[in-house]
Amino acid sequence: MHRCLELARQGAGYVAPNPMVGAVLVYNDRIIGEGYHQQFGAPHAEVICIRSVKPENAYKIADSVLYVSLEPCSHYGKTPPCTDLILQHKIKKVVIGSSDPNKAVSGGGAALLKANGVKVETGILEKENVELNRRFFTFHTHHQPYIILKWAQTADGKMAGAANERLLISSETTNRLVHKWRSEEASILIGTHTALFDDPELTTRKWPGPSPVRLVVDMELQLPSSLKIFNSKQRTIIFNKIKHEENGQPAYYQVTEDVSLVHQVVNALYQMNLQSVLVEGGARLLQSFIDENMWDETRIICNKHLAIGKGLPAPQLPAMKPATEITIENDEVTFYYNKNR
């Protein structure tokens, strides 16, 4: 199962809204096939795994044990049910990491296998499986995207200078890590001020991976079309109070001022089937997510060698212990997880 998880991670950023899944086929304690879900719409891990078995080992498949990190699907989606393939090859035992929270599967795959005489064992490294696919599990159990807040700050807790001028806080190495983070999420969100003054492209230029869907809050539609977020490198959606147009580049999603903007954005992402969002906005937008307790994970980059005195204060989290800390050159990257969601 550890190998299944190792394989599954290779699909990060490419398989959403599907989960990351790995599969291993074992005959007499030797792996004869393995695979992982590589791309949304492409064959699932179980299919790749069985296809990888060498022709001279094909006769061993029926007497092998199939290990798969997430419950095999039993319904038709982009691909046929994996349970059909398992039954077709007469595999007698399947070991599953965790059940699938998607109501289209949700125990149905395991039940179908058992009903057809397959021995099924579940809950192997379940915690690790759920952690790996926390975006997928959050989306299907809480009906919300997985929300990650991210910002960079100085050693004295500032995001920008006294006149809101932009600061180069994090190192080039840390910036590459941020682009890796972007490649792992379905969408990325900023506010009007960040779009206007920083003019970010919000792509993964510094990392070999897919760019997230770009989301911008621009209530009055005042942002000029010359900004990089309006280029053709990725889809852009503008949250505003003036118009609603789902097609086109950019697309427009209309919100109202009498309901929480944060909740409207989160609900919209769920309807759009965007399972995660990286909020890279300014202090005000980030703080609004914190104040409404609408976040799952926070990543703070702090340059321990830079202090500026007067400036724009960074957002403030409730008092809590960090889950993890890593150091990259002058930057300390701290991870927090919200246990009150």
Protein backbone atom coordinates (compact mmCIF):
# COMPACT_ATOMS: atom_id res chain seq x y z
CA MET A 1 0.00 0.00 0.00
CA HIS A 2 2.95 2.33 0.60
CA ARG A 3 3.94 1.71 -3.01
CA CYS A 4 0.37 2.49 -4.13
CA LEU A 5 0.59 5.86 -2.39
CA GLU A 6 4.00 6.53 -3.88
CA LEU A 7 2.62 5.88 -7.35
CA ALA A 8 -0.57 7.86 -6.74
CA ARG A 9 1.33 11.05 -5.86
CA GLN A 10 2.69 11.19 -9.39
CA GLY A 11 -0.77 12.19 -10.59
CA ALA A 12 -0.82 15.39 -8.48
CA GLY A 13 -2.18 18.31 -10.48
CA TYR A 14 -3.19 16.21 -13.47
CA VAL A 15 -6.12 14.04 -12.40
CA ALA A 16 -8.52 16.47 -10.67
CA PRO A 17 -11.46 16.35 -10.25
CA ASN A 18 -10.62 12.63 -9.96
CA PRO A 19 -8.58 11.41 -6.97
CA MET A 20 -4.95 10.36 -7.06
CA VAL A 21 -4.88 6.55 -7.08
CA GLY A 22 -2.13 3.95 -7.27
CA ALA A 23 -2.41 0.19 -7.78
CA VAL A 24 -0.03 -2.74 -7.39
CA LEU A 25 -0.56 -6.38 -8.41
CA VAL A 26 1.31 -8.92 -6.25
CA TYR A 27 1.87 -12.63 -7.01
CA ASN A 28 3.57 -14.73 -4.30
CA ASP A 29 4.94 -11.58 -2.63
CA ARG A 30 6.41 -10.23 -5.86
CA ILE A 31 5.07 -7.22 -7.76
CA ILE A 32 4.14 -8.20 -11.31
CA GLY A 33 2.27 -5.02 -12.26
CA GLU A 34 1.74 -1.47 -11.08
CA GLY A 35 0.22 1.79 -12.25
CA TYR A 36 -1.40 5.06 -11.28
CA HIS A 37 -4.08 7.38 -12.60
CA GLN A 38 -2.09 9.76 -14.80
CA GLN A 39 -4.58 12.16 -16.38
CA PHE A 40 -8.25 13.07 -15.97
CA GLY A 41 -10.22 11.08 -18.53
CA ALA A 42 -7.38 8.57 -19.00
CA PRO A 43 -7.43 4.95 -17.75
CA HIS A 44 -7.60 4.44 -13.99
CA ALA A 45 -4.80 3.01 -11.85
CA GLU A 46 -6.22 -0.54 -11.89
CA VAL A 47 -6.30 -0.56 -15.71
CA ILE A 48 -2.72 0.69 -16.04
CA CYS A 49 -1.58 -1.79 -13.41
CA ILE A 50 -3.08 -4.85 -15.11
CA ARG A 51 -1.93 -3.68 -18.54
CA SER A 52 1.63 -3.42 -17.21
CA VAL A 53 1.84 -7.15 -16.50
CA LYS A 54 4.25 -8.81 -18.91
CA PRO A 55 2.64 -11.34 -21.30
CA GLU A 56 4.60 -14.20 -19.77
CA ASN A 57 3.08 -13.35 -16.38
CA ALA A 58 -0.52 -12.97 -17.58
CA TYR A 59 -1.49 -16.39 -16.22
CA LYS A 60 -0.58 -15.19 -12.71
CA ILE A 61 -3.13 -12.33 -12.63
CA ALA A 62 -6.07 -14.42 -11.38
CA ASP A 63 -4.05 -15.73 -8.44
CA SER A 64 -2.57 -12.34 -7.53
CA VAL A 65 -3.64 -9.81 -4.90
CA LEU A 66 -4.56 -6.36 -6.20
CA TYR A 67 -3.66 -3.50 -3.89
CA VAL A 68 -5.34 -0.18 -4.70
CA SER A 69 -5.19 3.01 -2.63
CA LEU A 70 -8.84 3.99 -3.22
CA GLU A 71 -11.94 1.86 -3.67
CA PRO A 72 -12.37 0.73 -7.31
CA CYS A 73 -15.20 2.47 -9.14
CA SER A 74 -18.32 0.53 -10.06
CA HIS A 75 -19.97 3.08 -12.37
CA TYR A 76 -19.46 4.41 -15.88
CA GLY A 77 -17.81 7.82 -16.01
CA LYS A 78 -15.07 8.88 -18.41
CA THR A 79 -13.97 5.22 -18.35
CA PRO A 80 -15.68 1.83 -17.72
CA PRO A 81 -16.00 0.49 -14.14
CA CYS A 82 -12.77 -0.88 -12.70
CA THR A 83 -14.75 -3.53 -10.84
CA ASP A 84 -15.69 -5.04 -14.20
CA LEU A 85 -12.01 -5.35 -15.12
CA ILE A 86 -11.17 -7.01 -11.79
CA LEU A 87 -13.98 -9.54 -12.21
CA GLN A 88 -13.04 -10.11 -15.85
CA HIS A 89 -9.53 -11.15 -14.81
CA LYS A 90 -10.91 -13.31 -12.00
CA ILE A 91 -8.74 -11.65 -9.34
CA LYS A 92 -9.65 -13.32 -6.05
CA LYS A 93 -8.48 -10.73 -3.51
CA VAL A 94 -8.42 -6.93 -3.45
CA VAL A 95 -6.86 -4.81 -0.69
CA ILE A 96 -8.19 -1.23 -0.51
CA GLY A 97 -6.64 1.76 1.23
CA SER A 98 -9.85 3.71 1.84
CA SER A 99 -13.45 3.91 0.68
CA ASP A 100 -14.39 6.43 -1.98
CA PRO A 101 -16.40 9.39 -0.55
CA ASN A 102 -17.95 10.10 -3.95
CA LYS A 103 -21.60 9.08 -3.67
CA ALA A 104 -21.35 7.53 -7.15
CA VAL A 105 -19.01 4.91 -5.64
CA SER A 106 -19.13 5.14 -1.80
CA GLY A 107 -18.89 1.49 -0.85
CA GLY A 108 -20.52 0.25 -4.01
CA GLY A 109 -17.29 -0.93 -5.58
CA ALA A 110 -16.26 -3.03 -2.59
CA ALA A 111 -19.80 -4.40 -2.20
CA LEU A 112 -19.96 -5.45 -5.85
CA LEU A 113 -16.64 -7.28 -5.60
CA LYS A 114 -17.74 -9.10 -2.44
CA ALA A 115 -21.06 -10.05 -4.04
CA ASN A 116 -19.09 -11.73 -6.81
CA GLY A 117 -16.90 -13.77 -4.47
CA VAL A 118 -13.87 -11.52 -4.29
CA LYS A 119 -12.19 -11.30 -0.89
CA VAL A 120 -11.94 -7.61 0.01
CA GLU A 121 -9.84 -6.04 2.76
CA THR A 122 -10.21 -2.32 3.45
CA GLY A 123 -8.73 0.41 5.65
CA ILE A 124 -5.03 -0.24 4.95
CA LEU A 125 -3.11 3.02 5.53
CA GLU A 126 -6.48 4.74 5.44
CA LYS A 127 -5.27 7.89 7.20
CA GLU A 128 -2.44 8.31 4.69
CA ASN A 129 -4.83 7.73 1.79
CA VAL A 130 -7.28 10.35 3.03
CA GLU A 131 -4.44 12.84 3.62
CA LEU A 132 -3.14 12.34 0.09
CA ASN A 133 -6.59 13.01 -1.37
CA ARG A 134 -7.72 15.60 1.19
CA ARG A 135 -8.96 17.89 -1.59
CA PHE A 136 -11.13 15.12 -3.04
CA PHE A 137 -12.43 14.03 0.37
CA THR A 138 -13.19 17.61 1.49
CA PHE A 139 -15.06 18.29 -1.75
CA HIS A 140 -17.26 15.19 -1.51
CA THR A 141 -17.85 15.12 2.26
CA HIS A 142 -18.19 18.86 3.02
CA HIS A 143 -19.39 19.97 -0.44
CA GLN A 144 -16.73 22.67 -0.57
CA PRO A 145 -13.34 23.07 -2.22
CA TYR A 146 -10.21 22.54 -0.18
CA ILE A 147 -9.03 26.06 0.67
CA ILE A 148 -5.34 26.93 1.05
CA LEU A 149 -4.27 30.41 2.15
CA LYS A 150 -0.77 31.55 1.23
CA TRP A 151 1.20 34.73 1.77
CA ALA A 152 4.74 36.02 2.25
CA GLN A 153 5.72 38.38 5.06
CA THR A 154 8.76 40.08 6.52
CA ALA A 155 10.31 39.17 9.86
CA ASP A 156 8.25 41.95 11.44
CA GLY A 157 5.00 40.74 9.91
CA LYS A 158 4.55 43.06 6.91
CA MET A 159 3.30 42.15 3.41
CA ALA A 160 4.08 45.46 1.69
CA GLY A 161 5.73 48.79 2.32
CA ALA A 162 4.19 51.83 4.00
CA ALA A 163 2.77 53.12 0.71
CA ASN A 164 1.65 49.61 -0.30
CA GLU A 165 4.63 49.32 -2.65
CA ARG A 166 5.42 45.76 -3.63
CA LEU A 167 8.14 43.94 -1.70
CA LEU A 168 10.30 41.11 -2.98
CA ILE A 169 10.11 39.03 0.19
CA SER A 170 10.73 35.41 -0.74
CA SER A 171 13.75 33.94 -2.53
CA GLU A 172 13.82 32.63 -6.08
CA THR A 173 13.99 29.07 -4.73
CA THR A 174 10.88 29.61 -2.60
CA ASN A 175 9.12 31.20 -5.57
CA ARG A 176 9.69 27.99 -7.51
CA LEU A 177 8.09 26.08 -4.64
CA VAL A 178 5.07 28.39 -4.85
CA HIS A 179 4.72 27.58 -8.55
CA LYS A 180 4.81 23.88 -7.64
CA TRP A 181 1.98 24.55 -5.16
CA ARG A 182 0.01 26.24 -7.93
CA SER A 183 0.39 23.19 -10.16
CA GLU A 184 -1.26 21.03 -7.48
CA GLU A 185 -4.45 23.10 -7.13
CA ALA A 186 -7.51 23.44 -9.35
CA SER A 187 -7.77 27.23 -9.00
CA ILE A 188 -6.03 30.31 -7.63
CA LEU A 189 -7.71 33.45 -6.24
CA ILE A 190 -6.60 37.08 -5.90
CA GLY A 191 -8.33 40.41 -5.28
CA THR A 192 -8.59 43.62 -7.29
CA HIS A 193 -5.64 45.35 -5.62
CA THR A 194 -3.25 42.44 -6.17
CA ALA A 195 -4.28 42.11 -9.82
CA LEU A 196 -3.88 45.83 -10.46
CA PHE A 197 -0.63 46.60 -8.64
CA ASP A 198 1.28 43.31 -8.90
CA ASP A 199 -0.04 42.28 -12.34
CA PRO A 200 0.60 38.56 -11.71
CA GLU A 201 0.10 35.94 -14.42
CA LEU A 202 -0.81 33.23 -11.87
CA THR A 203 0.65 30.43 -13.98
CA THR A 204 3.31 27.78 -13.27
CA ARG A 205 6.08 29.38 -15.33
CA LYS A 206 8.76 28.22 -12.87
CA TRP A 207 7.52 24.64 -12.48
CA PRO A 208 6.68 21.88 -15.01
CA GLY A 209 3.01 21.38 -14.22
CA PRO A 210 -0.50 22.55 -15.15
CA SER A 211 -1.60 26.08 -14.29
CA PRO A 212 -4.72 26.54 -12.12
CA VAL A 213 -7.88 28.30 -13.23
CA ARG A 214 -7.42 32.00 -12.39
CA LEU A 215 -10.02 33.66 -10.16
CA VAL A 216 -10.16 37.40 -9.53
CA VAL A 217 -12.49 39.47 -7.34
CA ASP A 218 -13.28 42.69 -9.25
CA MET A 219 -16.64 43.89 -7.97
CA GLU A 220 -16.82 47.02 -10.18
CA LEU A 221 -15.10 45.50 -13.24
CA GLN A 222 -12.41 48.17 -13.13
CA LEU A 223 -9.39 46.05 -14.07
CA PRO A 224 -7.85 46.88 -17.49
CA SER A 225 -7.78 44.14 -20.11
CA SER A 226 -4.04 44.63 -20.54
CA LEU A 227 -3.31 42.76 -17.28
CA LYS A 228 -1.59 39.37 -17.53
CA ILE A 229 -4.52 37.53 -15.91
CA PHE A 230 -6.50 38.24 -19.08
CA ASN A 231 -4.08 36.50 -21.43
CA SER A 232 -4.90 33.18 -23.08
CA LYS A 233 -2.54 31.01 -21.01
CA GLN A 234 -5.32 29.81 -18.70
CA ARG A 235 -9.01 30.33 -18.08
CA THR A 236 -9.91 33.38 -15.94
CA ILE A 237 -13.13 33.91 -13.97
CA ILE A 238 -14.04 37.36 -12.61
CA PHE A 239 -16.26 37.58 -9.53
CA ASN A 240 -18.21 40.83 -9.78
CA LYS A 241 -21.58 42.46 -8.98
CA ILE A 242 -22.41 43.62 -12.52
CA LYS A 243 -22.76 40.70 -14.94
CA HIS A 244 -22.78 36.93 -15.33
CA GLU A 245 -21.31 35.29 -18.44
CA GLU A 246 -20.14 31.70 -18.10
CA ASN A 247 -18.49 31.42 -21.50
CA GLY A 248 -15.65 33.42 -22.93
CA GLN A 249 -12.24 34.53 -21.72
CA PRO A 250 -12.58 35.91 -19.18
CA ALA A 251 -15.80 34.48 -17.78
CA TYR A 252 -17.87 36.50 -15.31
CA TYR A 253 -19.59 35.24 -12.16
CA GLN A 254 -22.02 37.66 -10.58
CA VAL A 255 -22.17 37.98 -6.79
CA THR A 256 -24.17 40.22 -4.46
CA GLU A 257 -23.06 42.56 -1.70
CA ASP A 258 -25.71 41.49 0.83
CA VAL A 259 -24.22 37.99 1.28
CA SER A 260 -20.71 36.99 2.36
CA LEU A 261 -18.39 37.22 -0.65
CA VAL A 262 -16.26 34.39 0.74
CA HIS A 263 -19.24 32.03 0.95
CA GLN A 264 -20.42 33.00 -2.53
CA VAL A 265 -16.99 32.29 -4.01
CA VAL A 266 -16.68 28.97 -2.17
CA ASN A 267 -20.17 27.86 -3.27
CA ALA A 268 -19.42 28.90 -6.86
CA LEU A 269 -16.25 26.81 -6.93
CA TYR A 270 -18.19 23.80 -5.70
CA GLN A 271 -20.74 24.27 -8.49
CA MET A 272 -17.91 24.61 -11.01
CA ASN A 273 -16.39 21.32 -9.78
CA LEU A 274 -13.14 23.06 -8.79
CA GLN A 275 -11.99 20.96 -5.85
CA SER A 276 -9.32 23.26 -4.45
CA VAL A 277 -8.31 26.91 -4.39
CA LEU A 278 -5.03 28.60 -3.47
CA VAL A 279 -5.83 32.07 -2.14
CA GLU A 280 -2.88 34.34 -2.96
CA GLY A 281 -4.71 37.63 -2.54
CA GLY A 282 -3.84 40.65 -0.43
CA ALA A 283 -4.22 41.00 3.33
CA ARG A 284 -7.88 42.01 3.20
CA LEU A 285 -9.03 39.05 1.08
CA LEU A 286 -6.95 36.57 3.06
CA GLN A 287 -8.19 37.92 6.38
CA SER A 288 -11.81 37.60 5.24
CA PHE A 289 -11.30 33.85 4.75
CA ILE A 290 -9.67 33.62 8.18
CA ASP A 291 -12.39 35.66 9.92
CA GLU A 292 -15.13 33.44 8.45
CA ASN A 293 -13.17 30.26 9.26
CA MET A 294 -13.26 29.26 5.61
CA TRP A 295 -9.85 27.68 5.22
CA ASP A 296 -8.28 24.25 5.54
CA GLU A 297 -4.58 24.98 5.28
CA THR A 298 -2.35 28.06 5.55
CA ARG A 299 1.20 28.40 4.26
CA ILE A 300 3.19 31.42 5.44
CA ILE A 301 6.55 32.33 3.93
CA CYS A 302 8.58 34.53 6.30
CA ASN A 303 11.88 36.14 5.33
CA LYS A 304 13.71 36.05 8.66
CA HIS A 305 16.39 38.46 7.41
CA LEU A 306 14.05 41.24 6.23
CA ALA A 307 12.33 43.78 8.49
CA ILE A 308 10.92 47.08 7.19
CA GLY A 309 9.25 48.78 10.16
CA LYS A 310 6.20 50.58 8.81
CA GLY A 311 4.16 48.71 6.25
CA LEU A 312 1.02 46.72 5.48
CA PRO A 313 0.42 44.14 8.25
CA ALA A 314 0.08 40.52 7.19
CA PRO A 315 -3.13 38.61 8.02
CA GLN A 316 -3.51 37.17 11.50
CA LEU A 317 -4.41 33.53 12.19
CA PRO A 318 -6.02 32.46 15.47
CA ALA A 319 -3.49 31.23 18.02
CA MET A 320 -2.43 27.70 17.03
CA LYS A 321 0.64 25.52 16.72
CA PRO A 322 2.17 25.04 13.28
CA ALA A 323 2.00 21.57 11.79
CA THR A 324 5.29 21.78 9.88
CA GLU A 325 8.14 24.20 9.30
CA ILE A 326 10.80 24.12 6.61
CA THR A 327 13.70 26.49 5.91
CA ILE A 328 14.70 27.57 2.40
CA GLU A 329 17.65 29.97 2.37
CA ASN A 330 16.43 33.07 4.32
CA ASP A 331 12.79 31.93 4.21
CA GLU A 332 10.94 29.99 6.85
CA VAL A 333 7.83 28.28 5.46
CA THR A 334 5.23 27.40 8.08
CA PHE A 335 2.19 25.17 7.50
CA TYR A 336 -1.00 25.34 9.57
CA TYR A 337 -4.05 23.06 9.38
CA ASN A 338 -7.51 24.14 10.49
CA LYS A 339 -8.86 21.52 12.88
CA ASN A 340 -12.06 23.49 13.53
CA ARG A 341 -13.64 22.99 10.11
